Amino acid sequence: LPKAVVMSQVVRRTLVRRLRRHVLWNSNVEPPLRTMLTDS
């Protein structure tokens, strides 16, 4: 897929998972959104 499409998808998915506190594998959840700026 084009990079623009992928980035749109991954940003949307990350926001939804974080804001809704979706439980992922082995009880993990997305980290706080601010880590987007601090974690490479």
PDB file of all heavy atoms in Angstrom:
ATOM      1  N   LEU A   1       0.824  -1.206   0.000  1.00  0.00           N
ATOM      2  CA  LEU A   1       0.000   0.000   0.000  1.00  0.00           C
ATOM      3  C   LEU A   1       0.861   1.260   0.000  1.00  0.00           C
ATOM      4  O   LEU A   1       1.965   1.264   0.552  1.00  0.00           O
ATOM      5  CB  LEU A   1      -0.907   0.026   1.234  1.00  0.00           C
ATOM      6  CG  LEU A   1      -1.851  -1.156   1.436  1.00  0.00           C
ATOM      7  CD1 LEU A   1      -2.753  -0.890   2.640  1.00  0.00           C
ATOM      8  CD2 LEU A   1      -2.673  -1.433   0.194  1.00  0.00           C
ATOM      9  N   PRO A   2       0.355   2.351  -0.582  1.00  0.00           N
ATOM     10  CA  PRO A   2       1.077   3.625  -0.524  1.00  0.00           C
ATOM     11  C   PRO A   2       1.295   4.069   0.920  1.00  0.00           C
ATOM     12  O   PRO A   2       0.491   3.781   1.809  1.00  0.00           O
ATOM     13  CB  PRO A   2       0.144   4.586  -1.266  1.00  0.00           C
ATOM     14  CG  PRO A   2      -0.714   3.724  -2.127  1.00  0.00           C
ATOM     15  CD  PRO A   2      -0.894   2.455  -1.364  1.00  0.00           C
ATOM     16  N   LYS A   3       2.377   4.807   1.115  1.00  0.00           N
ATOM     17  CA  LYS A   3       2.729   5.248   2.467  1.00  0.00           C
ATOM     18  C   LYS A   3       1.632   6.100   3.087  1.00  0.00           C
ATOM     19  O   LYS A   3       1.332   5.970   4.285  1.00  0.00           O
ATOM     20  CB  LYS A   3       4.046   6.032   2.417  1.00  0.00           C
ATOM     21  CG  LYS A   3       4.663   6.314   3.785  1.00  0.00           C
ATOM     22  CD  LYS A   3       6.054   6.912   3.616  1.00  0.00           C
ATOM     23  CE  LYS A   3       6.781   7.032   4.946  1.00  0.00           C
ATOM     24  NZ  LYS A   3       8.169   7.557   4.776  1.00  0.00           N
ATOM     25  N   ALA A   4       0.999   6.971   2.308  1.00  0.00           N
ATOM     26  CA  ALA A   4      -0.053   7.828   2.841  1.00  0.00           C
ATOM     27  C   ALA A   4      -1.226   7.011   3.357  1.00  0.00           C
ATOM     28  O   ALA A   4      -1.829   7.339   4.401  1.00  0.00           O
ATOM     29  CB  ALA A   4      -0.524   8.811   1.776  1.00  0.00           C
ATOM     30  N   VAL A   5      -1.570   5.954   2.656  1.00  0.00           N
ATOM     31  CA  VAL A   5      -2.671   5.088   3.089  1.00  0.00           C
ATOM     32  C   VAL A   5      -2.312   4.381   4.391  1.00  0.00           C
ATOM     33  O   VAL A   5      -3.110   4.328   5.333  1.00  0.00           O
ATOM     34  CB  VAL A   5      -3.012   4.063   1.994  1.00  0.00           C
ATOM     35  CG1 VAL A   5      -4.035   3.043   2.499  1.00  0.00           C
ATOM     36  CG2 VAL A   5      -3.536   4.757   0.748  1.00  0.00           C
ATOM     37  N   VAL A   6      -1.108   3.842   4.447  1.00  0.00           N
ATOM     38  CA  VAL A   6      -0.663   3.147   5.651  1.00  0.00           C
ATOM     39  C   VAL A   6      -0.657   4.083   6.853  1.00  0.00           C
ATOM     40  O   VAL A   6      -1.135   3.720   7.945  1.00  0.00           O
ATOM     41  CB  VAL A   6       0.729   2.534   5.436  1.00  0.00           C
ATOM     42  CG1 VAL A   6       1.300   2.006   6.754  1.00  0.00           C
ATOM     43  CG2 VAL A   6       0.675   1.420   4.406  1.00  0.00           C
ATOM     44  N   MET A   7      -0.134   5.286   6.688  1.00  0.00           N
ATOM     45  CA  MET A   7      -0.053   6.206   7.819  1.00  0.00           C
ATOM     46  C   MET A   7      -1.446   6.613   8.304  1.00  0.00           C
ATOM     47  O   MET A   7      -1.685   6.732   9.510  1.00  0.00           O
ATOM     48  CB  MET A   7       0.768   7.431   7.432  1.00  0.00           C
ATOM     49  CG  MET A   7       2.238   7.141   7.175  1.00  0.00           C
ATOM     50  SD  MET A   7       3.034   6.128   8.477  1.00  0.00           S
ATOM     51  CE  MET A   7       2.774   7.179   9.911  1.00  0.00           C
ATOM     52  N   SER A   8      -2.356   6.824   7.387  1.00  0.00           N
ATOM     53  CA  SER A   8      -3.734   7.132   7.783  1.00  0.00           C
ATOM     54  C   SER A   8      -4.322   6.004   8.615  1.00  0.00           C
ATOM     55  O   SER A   8      -4.963   6.228   9.645  1.00  0.00           O
ATOM     56  CB  SER A   8      -4.586   7.389   6.541  1.00  0.00           C
ATOM     57  OG  SER A   8      -5.947   7.563   6.882  1.00  0.00           O
ATOM     58  N   GLN A   9      -4.083   4.786   8.178  1.00  0.00           N
ATOM     59  CA  GLN A   9      -4.616   3.623   8.897  1.00  0.00           C
ATOM     60  C   GLN A   9      -3.994   3.476  10.283  1.00  0.00           C
ATOM     61  O   GLN A   9      -4.692   3.233  11.268  1.00  0.00           O
ATOM     62  CB  GLN A   9      -4.339   2.349   8.087  1.00  0.00           C
ATOM     63  CG  GLN A   9      -5.124   2.257   6.807  1.00  0.00           C
ATOM     64  CD  GLN A   9      -4.770   1.027   5.984  1.00  0.00           C
ATOM     65  OE1 GLN A   9      -5.383   0.773   4.965  1.00  0.00           O
ATOM     66  NE2 GLN A   9      -3.775   0.258   6.411  1.00  0.00           N
ATOM     67  N   VAL A  10      -2.675   3.602  10.354  1.00  0.00           N
ATOM     68  CA  VAL A  10      -2.003   3.328  11.619  1.00  0.00           C
ATOM     69  C   VAL A  10      -2.288   4.424  12.646  1.00  0.00           C
ATOM     70  O   VAL A  10      -2.426   4.149  13.840  1.00  0.00           O
ATOM     71  CB  VAL A  10      -0.486   3.119  11.409  1.00  0.00           C
ATOM     72  CG1 VAL A  10       0.249   4.412  11.151  1.00  0.00           C
ATOM     73  CG2 VAL A  10       0.122   2.388  12.597  1.00  0.00           C
ATOM     74  N   VAL A  11      -2.404   5.671  12.206  1.00  0.00           N
ATOM     75  CA  VAL A  11      -2.754   6.751  13.135  1.00  0.00           C
ATOM     76  C   VAL A  11      -4.165   6.543  13.667  1.00  0.00           C
ATOM     77  O   VAL A  11      -4.410   6.647  14.879  1.00  0.00           O
ATOM     78  CB  VAL A  11      -2.631   8.127  12.454  1.00  0.00           C
ATOM     79  CG1 VAL A  11      -3.259   9.213  13.312  1.00  0.00           C
ATOM     80  CG2 VAL A  11      -1.159   8.452  12.185  1.00  0.00           C
ATOM     81  N   ARG A  12      -5.085   6.222  12.783  1.00  0.00           N
ATOM     82  CA  ARG A  12      -6.475   6.007  13.206  1.00  0.00           C
ATOM     83  C   ARG A  12      -6.572   4.816  14.163  1.00  0.00           C
ATOM     84  O   ARG A  12      -7.235   4.890  15.201  1.00  0.00           O
ATOM     85  CB  ARG A  12      -7.361   5.786  11.983  1.00  0.00           C
ATOM     86  CG  ARG A  12      -8.837   5.589  12.313  1.00  0.00           C
ATOM     87  CD  ARG A  12      -9.690   5.661  11.066  1.00  0.00           C
ATOM     88  NE  ARG A  12      -9.318   4.649  10.078  1.00  0.00           N
ATOM     89  CZ  ARG A  12      -8.723   4.918   8.935  1.00  0.00           C
ATOM     90  NH1 ARG A  12      -8.408   6.170   8.611  1.00  0.00           N
ATOM     91  NH2 ARG A  12      -8.439   3.943   8.094  1.00  0.00           N
ATOM     92  N   ARG A  13      -5.897   3.744  13.829  1.00  0.00           N
ATOM     93  CA  ARG A  13      -5.929   2.551  14.685  1.00  0.00           C
ATOM     94  C   ARG A  13      -5.336   2.832  16.061  1.00  0.00           C
ATOM     95  O   ARG A  13      -5.881   2.412  17.093  1.00  0.00           O
ATOM     96  CB  ARG A  13      -5.149   1.417  14.007  1.00  0.00           C
ATOM     97  CG  ARG A  13      -5.200   0.098  14.760  1.00  0.00           C
ATOM     98  CD  ARG A  13      -4.302  -0.930  14.105  1.00  0.00           C
ATOM     99  NE  ARG A  13      -2.891  -0.629  14.304  1.00  0.00           N
ATOM    100  CZ  ARG A  13      -1.896  -1.371  13.800  1.00  0.00           C
ATOM    101  NH1 ARG A  13      -2.175  -2.402  13.025  1.00  0.00           N
ATOM    102  NH2 ARG A  13      -0.634  -1.052  14.035  1.00  0.00           N
ATOM    103  N   THR A  14      -4.217   3.549  16.084  1.00  0.00           N
ATOM    104  CA  THR A  14      -3.560   3.858  17.356  1.00  0.00           C
ATOM    105  C   THR A  14      -4.441   4.723  18.236  1.00  0.00           C
ATOM    106  O   THR A  14      -4.554   4.483  19.455  1.00  0.00           O
ATOM    107  CB  THR A  14      -2.212   4.567  17.094  1.00  0.00           C
ATOM    108  OG1 THR A  14      -1.379   3.699  16.315  1.00  0.00           O
ATOM    109  CG2 THR A  14      -1.507   4.908  18.392  1.00  0.00           C
ATOM    110  N   LEU A  15      -5.078   5.727  17.659  1.00  0.00           N
ATOM    111  CA  LEU A  15      -5.973   6.600  18.427  1.00  0.00           C
ATOM    112  C   LEU A  15      -7.140   5.818  19.006  1.00  0.00           C
ATOM    113  O   LEU A  15      -7.477   5.968  20.190  1.00  0.00           O
ATOM    114  CB  LEU A  15      -6.490   7.734  17.539  1.00  0.00           C
ATOM    115  CG  LEU A  15      -5.478   8.814  17.159  1.00  0.00           C
ATOM    116  CD1 LEU A  15      -6.079   9.768  16.135  1.00  0.00           C
ATOM    117  CD2 LEU A  15      -5.010   9.582  18.391  1.00  0.00           C
ATOM    118  N   VAL A  16      -7.745   4.983  18.190  1.00  0.00           N
ATOM    119  CA  VAL A  16      -8.901   4.209  18.663  1.00  0.00           C
ATOM    120  C   VAL A  16      -8.488   3.256  19.784  1.00  0.00           C
ATOM    121  O   VAL A  16      -9.165   3.161  20.815  1.00  0.00           O
ATOM    122  CB  VAL A  16      -9.537   3.431  17.494  1.00  0.00           C
ATOM    123  CG1 VAL A  16     -10.560   2.416  18.011  1.00  0.00           C
ATOM    124  CG2 VAL A  16     -10.205   4.390  16.521  1.00  0.00           C
ATOM    125  N   ARG A  17      -7.387   2.563  19.583  1.00  0.00           N
ATOM    126  CA  ARG A  17      -6.937   1.613  20.602  1.00  0.00           C
ATOM    127  C   ARG A  17      -6.607   2.302  21.915  1.00  0.00           C
ATOM    128  O   ARG A  17      -6.925   1.783  22.994  1.00  0.00           O
ATOM    129  CB  ARG A  17      -5.709   0.853  20.101  1.00  0.00           C
ATOM    130  CG  ARG A  17      -5.999  -0.229  19.081  1.00  0.00           C
ATOM    131  CD  ARG A  17      -4.709  -0.883  18.635  1.00  0.00           C
ATOM    132  NE  ARG A  17      -4.945  -2.033  17.766  1.00  0.00           N
ATOM    133  CZ  ARG A  17      -3.983  -2.753  17.210  1.00  0.00           C
ATOM    134  NH1 ARG A  17      -2.701  -2.424  17.423  1.00  0.00           N
ATOM    135  NH2 ARG A  17      -4.269  -3.785  16.447  1.00  0.00           N
ATOM    136  N   ARG A  18      -5.973   3.464  21.835  1.00  0.00           N
ATOM    137  CA  ARG A  18      -5.585   4.163  23.053  1.00  0.00           C
ATOM    138  C   ARG A  18      -6.792   4.783  23.748  1.00  0.00           C
ATOM    139  O   ARG A  18      -6.979   4.632  24.959  1.00  0.00           O
ATOM    140  CB  ARG A  18      -4.546   5.248  22.738  1.00  0.00           C
ATOM    141  CG  ARG A  18      -4.121   6.054  23.979  1.00  0.00           C
ATOM    142  CD  ARG A  18      -3.534   5.163  25.054  1.00  0.00           C
ATOM    143  NE  ARG A  18      -3.345   5.879  26.311  1.00  0.00           N
ATOM    144  CZ  ARG A  18      -2.963   5.315  27.445  1.00  0.00           C
ATOM    145  NH1 ARG A  18      -2.741   4.004  27.490  1.00  0.00           N
ATOM    146  NH2 ARG A  18      -2.809   6.034  28.539  1.00  0.00           N
ATOM    147  N   LEU A  19      -7.611   5.471  23.006  1.00  0.00           N
ATOM    148  CA  LEU A  19      -8.743   6.166  23.607  1.00  0.00           C
ATOM    149  C   LEU A  19      -9.776   5.202  24.177  1.00  0.00           C
ATOM    150  O   LEU A  19     -10.432   5.493  25.179  1.00  0.00           O
ATOM    151  CB  LEU A  19      -9.390   7.102  22.587  1.00  0.00           C
ATOM    152  CG  LEU A  19      -8.503   8.261  22.105  1.00  0.00           C
ATOM    153  CD1 LEU A  19      -9.201   9.063  21.021  1.00  0.00           C
ATOM    154  CD2 LEU A  19      -8.105   9.165  23.276  1.00  0.00           C
ATOM    155  N   ARG A  20      -9.914   4.050  23.550  1.00  0.00           N
ATOM    156  CA  ARG A  20     -10.878   3.049  24.024  1.00  0.00           C
ATOM    157  C   ARG A  20     -10.242   2.004  24.925  1.00  0.00           C
ATOM    158  O   ARG A  20     -10.928   1.084  25.391  1.00  0.00           O
ATOM    159  CB  ARG A  20     -11.560   2.371  22.832  1.00  0.00           C
ATOM    160  CG  ARG A  20     -12.398   3.329  22.002  1.00  0.00           C
ATOM    161  CD  ARG A  20     -13.106   2.610  20.872  1.00  0.00           C
ATOM    162  NE  ARG A  20     -13.906   3.544  20.086  1.00  0.00           N
ATOM    163  CZ  ARG A  20     -14.592   3.211  18.994  1.00  0.00           C
ATOM    164  NH1 ARG A  20     -14.592   1.941  18.579  1.00  0.00           N
ATOM    165  NH2 ARG A  20     -15.292   4.117  18.328  1.00  0.00           N
ATOM    166  N   ARG A  21      -8.944   2.147  25.163  1.00  0.00           N
ATOM    167  CA  ARG A  21      -8.193   1.232  26.019  1.00  0.00           C
ATOM    168  C   ARG A  21      -8.396  -0.224  25.599  1.00  0.00           C
ATOM    169  O   ARG A  21      -8.653  -1.107  26.411  1.00  0.00           O
ATOM    170  CB  ARG A  21      -8.594   1.407  27.491  1.00  0.00           C
ATOM    171  CG  ARG A  21      -8.354   2.787  28.073  1.00  0.00           C
ATOM    172  CD  ARG A  21      -6.869   3.140  28.089  1.00  0.00           C
ATOM    173  NE  ARG A  21      -6.592   4.284  28.931  1.00  0.00           N
ATOM    174  CZ  ARG A  21      -6.668   5.555  28.525  1.00  0.00           C
ATOM    175  NH1 ARG A  21      -7.026   5.824  27.281  1.00  0.00           N
ATOM    176  NH2 ARG A  21      -6.397   6.545  29.347  1.00  0.00           N
ATOM    177  N   HIS A  22      -8.263  -0.464  24.301  1.00  0.00           N
ATOM    178  CA  HIS A  22      -8.390  -1.826  23.807  1.00  0.00           C
ATOM    179  C   HIS A  22      -7.307  -2.709  24.421  1.00  0.00           C
ATOM    180  O   HIS A  22      -6.137  -2.338  24.449  1.00  0.00           O
ATOM    181  CB  HIS A  22      -8.249  -1.852  22.288  1.00  0.00           C
ATOM    182  CG  HIS A  22      -9.483  -1.417  21.570  1.00  0.00           C
ATOM    183  ND1 HIS A  22      -9.559  -1.380  20.194  1.00  0.00           N
ATOM    184  CD2 HIS A  22     -10.695  -1.021  22.024  1.00  0.00           C
ATOM    185  CE1 HIS A  22     -10.761  -0.965  19.834  1.00  0.00           C
ATOM    186  NE2 HIS A  22     -11.458  -0.727  20.917  1.00  0.00           N
ATOM    187  N   VAL A  23      -7.710  -3.851  24.905  1.00  0.00           N
ATOM    188  CA  VAL A  23      -6.753  -4.808  25.452  1.00  0.00           C
ATOM    189  C   VAL A  23      -6.207  -5.635  24.298  1.00  0.00           C
ATOM    190  O   VAL A  23      -6.953  -6.268  23.558  1.00  0.00           O
ATOM    191  CB  VAL A  23      -7.415  -5.715  26.501  1.00  0.00           C
ATOM    192  CG1 VAL A  23      -6.404  -6.745  27.016  1.00  0.00           C
ATOM    193  CG2 VAL A  23      -7.954  -4.876  27.657  1.00  0.00           C
ATOM    194  N   LEU A  24      -4.892  -5.614  24.161  1.00  0.00           N
ATOM    195  CA  LEU A  24      -4.227  -6.319  23.077  1.00  0.00           C
ATOM    196  C   LEU A  24      -3.633  -7.616  23.610  1.00  0.00           C
ATOM    197  O   LEU A  24      -4.143  -8.193  24.562  1.00  0.00           O
ATOM    198  CB  LEU A  24      -3.180  -5.401  22.442  1.00  0.00           C
ATOM    199  CG  LEU A  24      -3.749  -4.072  21.912  1.00  0.00           C
ATOM    200  CD1 LEU A  24      -2.615  -3.134  21.509  1.00  0.00           C
ATOM    201  CD2 LEU A  24      -4.691  -4.321  20.739  1.00  0.00           C
ATOM    202  N   TRP A  25      -2.537  -8.067  23.027  1.00  0.00           N
ATOM    203  CA  TRP A  25      -1.977  -9.360  23.357  1.00  0.00           C
ATOM    204  C   TRP A  25      -1.437  -9.378  24.780  1.00  0.00           C
ATOM    205  O   TRP A  25      -0.711  -8.477  25.206  1.00  0.00           O
ATOM    206  CB  TRP A  25      -0.863  -9.691  22.366  1.00  0.00           C
ATOM    207  CG  TRP A  25      -1.292  -9.369  20.960  1.00  0.00           C
ATOM    208  CD1 TRP A  25      -2.022 -10.165  20.121  1.00  0.00           C
ATOM    209  CD2 TRP A  25      -1.066  -8.138  20.266  1.00  0.00           C
ATOM    210  NE1 TRP A  25      -2.266  -9.507  18.949  1.00  0.00           N
ATOM    211  CE2 TRP A  25      -1.693  -8.257  18.995  1.00  0.00           C
ATOM    212  CE3 TRP A  25      -0.406  -6.941  20.580  1.00  0.00           C
ATOM    213  CZ2 TRP A  25      -1.671  -7.240  18.054  1.00  0.00           C
ATOM    214  CZ3 TRP A  25      -0.389  -5.930  19.641  1.00  0.00           C
ATOM    215  CH2 TRP A  25      -0.999  -6.082  18.404  1.00  0.00           C
ATOM    216  N   ASN A  26      -1.781 -10.448  25.512  1.00  0.00           N
ATOM    217  CA  ASN A  26      -1.294 -10.647  26.885  1.00  0.00           C
ATOM    218  C   ASN A  26      -1.539  -9.423  27.767  1.00  0.00           C
ATOM    219  O   ASN A  26      -0.670  -8.988  28.521  1.00  0.00           O
ATOM    220  CB  ASN A  26       0.189 -11.021  26.869  1.00  0.00           C
ATOM    221  CG  ASN A  26       0.412 -12.401  26.276  1.00  0.00           C
ATOM    222  OD1 ASN A  26      -0.095 -13.392  26.803  1.00  0.00           O
ATOM    223  ND2 ASN A  26       1.141 -12.467  25.174  1.00  0.00           N
ATOM    224  N   SER A  27      -2.739  -8.843  27.613  1.00  0.00           N
ATOM    225  CA  SER A  27      -3.220  -7.739  28.461  1.00  0.00           C
ATOM    226  C   SER A  27      -2.497  -6.424  28.229  1.00  0.00           C
ATOM    227  O   SER A  27      -2.608  -5.505  29.046  1.00  0.00           O
ATOM    228  CB  SER A  27      -3.138  -8.125  29.952  1.00  0.00           C
ATOM    229  OG  SER A  27      -3.916  -9.279  30.206  1.00  0.00           O
ATOM    230  N   ASN A  28      -1.770  -6.283  27.146  1.00  0.00           N
ATOM    231  CA  ASN A  28      -1.120  -5.019  26.829  1.00  0.00           C
ATOM    232  C   ASN A  28      -2.134  -4.010  26.280  1.00  0.00           C
ATOM    233  O   ASN A  28      -3.160  -4.392  25.716  1.00  0.00           O
ATOM    234  CB  ASN A  28      -0.016  -5.225  25.789  1.00  0.00           C
ATOM    235  CG  ASN A  28       1.164  -5.975  26.353  1.00  0.00           C
ATOM    236  OD1 ASN A  28       1.759  -5.567  27.344  1.00  0.00           O
ATOM    237  ND2 ASN A  28       1.523  -7.095  25.733  1.00  0.00           N
ATOM    238  N   VAL A  29      -1.824  -2.725  26.466  1.00  0.00           N
ATOM    239  CA  VAL A  29      -2.613  -1.653  25.873  1.00  0.00           C
ATOM    240  C   VAL A  29      -1.655  -0.663  25.206  1.00  0.00           C
ATOM    241  O   VAL A  29      -0.470  -0.625  25.521  1.00  0.00           O
ATOM    242  CB  VAL A  29      -3.477  -0.911  26.919  1.00  0.00           C
ATOM    243  CG1 VAL A  29      -4.532  -1.824  27.512  1.00  0.00           C
ATOM    244  CG2 VAL A  29      -2.600  -0.301  28.018  1.00  0.00           C
ATOM    245  N   GLU A  30      -2.185   0.099  24.266  1.00  0.00           N
ATOM    246  CA  GLU A  30      -1.355   1.122  23.623  1.00  0.00           C
ATOM    247  C   GLU A  30      -0.834   2.110  24.666  1.00  0.00           C
ATOM    248  O   GLU A  30      -1.565   2.504  25.576  1.00  0.00           O
ATOM    249  CB  GLU A  30      -2.168   1.883  22.571  1.00  0.00           C
ATOM    250  CG  GLU A  30      -2.515   1.069  21.338  1.00  0.00           C
ATOM    251  CD  GLU A  30      -1.343   0.942  20.376  1.00  0.00           C
ATOM    252  OE1 GLU A  30      -0.266   1.510  20.647  1.00  0.00           O
ATOM    253  OE2 GLU A  30      -1.521   0.267  19.350  1.00  0.00           O
ATOM    254  N   PRO A  31       0.416   2.541  24.556  1.00  0.00           N
ATOM    255  CA  PRO A  31       0.967   3.508  25.512  1.00  0.00           C
ATOM    256  C   PRO A  31       0.332   4.880  25.329  1.00  0.00           C
ATOM    257  O   PRO A  31      -0.365   5.122  24.339  1.00  0.00           O
ATOM    258  CB  PRO A  31       2.458   3.531  25.160  1.00  0.00           C
ATOM    259  CG  PRO A  31       2.499   3.175  23.706  1.00  0.00           C
ATOM    260  CD  PRO A  31       1.394   2.183  23.503  1.00  0.00           C
ATOM    261  N   PRO A  32       0.548   5.800  26.278  1.00  0.00           N
ATOM    262  CA  PRO A  32       0.002   7.162  26.139  1.00  0.00           C
ATOM    263  C   PRO A  32       0.408   7.793  24.809  1.00  0.00           C
ATOM    264  O   PRO A  32       1.504   7.544  24.300  1.00  0.00           O
ATOM    265  CB  PRO A  32       0.626   7.902  27.327  1.00  0.00           C
ATOM    266  CG  PRO A  32       0.897   6.829  28.338  1.00  0.00           C
ATOM    267  CD  PRO A  32       1.278   5.625  27.545  1.00  0.00           C
ATOM    268  N   LEU A  33      -0.457   8.614  24.268  1.00  0.00           N
ATOM    269  CA  LEU A  33      -0.205   9.205  22.957  1.00  0.00           C
ATOM    270  C   LEU A  33       1.046  10.078  22.939  1.00  0.00           C
ATOM    271  O   LEU A  33       1.681  10.224  21.903  1.00  0.00           O
ATOM    272  CB  LEU A  33      -1.424  10.020  22.514  1.00  0.00           C
ATOM    273  CG  LEU A  33      -2.703   9.212  22.262  1.00  0.00           C
ATOM    274  CD1 LEU A  33      -3.851  10.139  21.901  1.00  0.00           C
ATOM    275  CD2 LEU A  33      -2.480   8.175  21.166  1.00  0.00           C
ATOM    276  N   ARG A  34       1.406  10.642  24.084  1.00  0.00           N
ATOM    277  CA  ARG A  34       2.593  11.503  24.125  1.00  0.00           C
ATOM    278  C   ARG A  34       3.860  10.737  23.796  1.00  0.00           C
ATOM    279  O   ARG A  34       4.862  11.335  23.379  1.00  0.00           O
ATOM    280  CB  ARG A  34       2.730  12.155  25.509  1.00  0.00           C
ATOM    281  CG  ARG A  34       2.999  11.185  26.642  1.00  0.00           C
ATOM    282  CD  ARG A  34       3.226  11.897  27.972  1.00  0.00           C
ATOM    283  NE  ARG A  34       3.475  10.965  29.060  1.00  0.00           N
ATOM    284  CZ  ARG A  34       2.523  10.367  29.769  1.00  0.00           C
ATOM    285  NH1 ARG A  34       1.245  10.628  29.504  1.00  0.00           N
ATOM    286  NH2 ARG A  34       2.822   9.522  30.735  1.00  0.00           N
ATOM    287  N   THR A  35       3.850   9.405  23.961  1.00  0.00           N
ATOM    288  CA  THR A  35       5.045   8.627  23.660  1.00  0.00           C
ATOM    289  C   THR A  35       5.353   8.612  22.161  1.00  0.00           C
ATOM    290  O   THR A  35       6.456   8.240  21.769  1.00  0.00           O
ATOM    291  CB  THR A  35       4.908   7.180  24.168  1.00  0.00           C
ATOM    292  OG1 THR A  35       3.781   6.559  23.533  1.00  0.00           O
ATOM    293  CG2 THR A  35       4.706   7.160  25.672  1.00  0.00           C
ATOM    294  N   MET A  36       4.379   9.044  21.364  1.00  0.00           N
ATOM    295  CA  MET A  36       4.638   9.181  19.935  1.00  0.00           C
ATOM    296  C   MET A  36       5.765  10.175  19.692  1.00  0.00           C
ATOM    297  O   MET A  36       6.514  10.061  18.720  1.00  0.00           O
ATOM    298  CB  MET A  36       3.363   9.645  19.222  1.00  0.00           C
ATOM    299  CG  MET A  36       3.389   9.516  17.719  1.00  0.00           C
ATOM    300  SD  MET A  36       1.882  10.180  16.940  1.00  0.00           S
ATOM    301  CE  MET A  36       0.597   9.384  17.891  1.00  0.00           C
ATOM    302  N   LEU A  37       5.928  11.143  20.595  1.00  0.00           N
ATOM    303  CA  LEU A  37       6.940  12.174  20.452  1.00  0.00           C
ATOM    304  C   LEU A  37       8.269  11.791  21.090  1.00  0.00           C
ATOM    305  O   LEU A  37       9.306  12.358  20.747  1.00  0.00           O
ATOM    306  CB  LEU A  37       6.441  13.480  21.075  1.00  0.00           C
ATOM    307  CG  LEU A  37       5.119  14.035  20.535  1.00  0.00           C
ATOM    308  CD1 LEU A  37       4.711  15.276  21.316  1.00  0.00           C
ATOM    309  CD2 LEU A  37       5.248  14.345  19.054  1.00  0.00           C
ATOM    310  N   THR A  38       8.235  10.820  22.004  1.00  0.00           N
ATOM    311  CA  THR A  38       9.439  10.508  22.769  1.00  0.00           C
ATOM    312  C   THR A  38      10.044   9.145  22.457  1.00  0.00           C
ATOM    313  O   THR A  38      11.216   8.902  22.750  1.00  0.00           O
ATOM    314  CB  THR A  38       9.136  10.564  24.274  1.00  0.00           C
ATOM    315  OG1 THR A  38       8.098   9.608  24.589  1.00  0.00           O
ATOM    316  CG2 THR A  38       8.659  11.958  24.677  1.00  0.00           C
ATOM    317  N   ASP A  39       9.262   8.261  21.867  1.00  0.00           N
ATOM    318  CA  ASP A  39       9.717   6.894  21.617  1.00  0.00           C
ATOM    319  C   ASP A  39       9.915   6.683  20.121  1.00  0.00           C
ATOM    320  O   ASP A  39       8.954   6.683  19.343  1.00  0.00           O
ATOM    321  CB  ASP A  39       8.681   5.899  22.162  1.00  0.00           C
ATOM    322  CG  ASP A  39       9.118   4.453  21.981  1.00  0.00           C
ATOM    323  OD1 ASP A  39      10.229   4.212  21.466  1.00  0.00           O
ATOM    324  OD2 ASP A  39       8.329   3.552  22.355  1.00  0.00           O
ATOM    325  N   SER A  40      11.158   6.487  19.721  1.00  0.00           N
ATOM    326  CA  SER A  40      11.459   6.322  18.293  1.00  0.00           C
ATOM    327  C   SER A  40      10.859   5.045  17.718  1.00  0.00           C
ATOM    328  O   SER A  40      10.741   4.907  16.497  1.00  0.00           O
ATOM    329  CB  SER A  40      12.973   6.325  18.068  1.00  0.00           C
ATOM    330  OG  SER A  40      13.575   5.230  18.737  1.00  0.00           O
TER     331      SER A  40
END
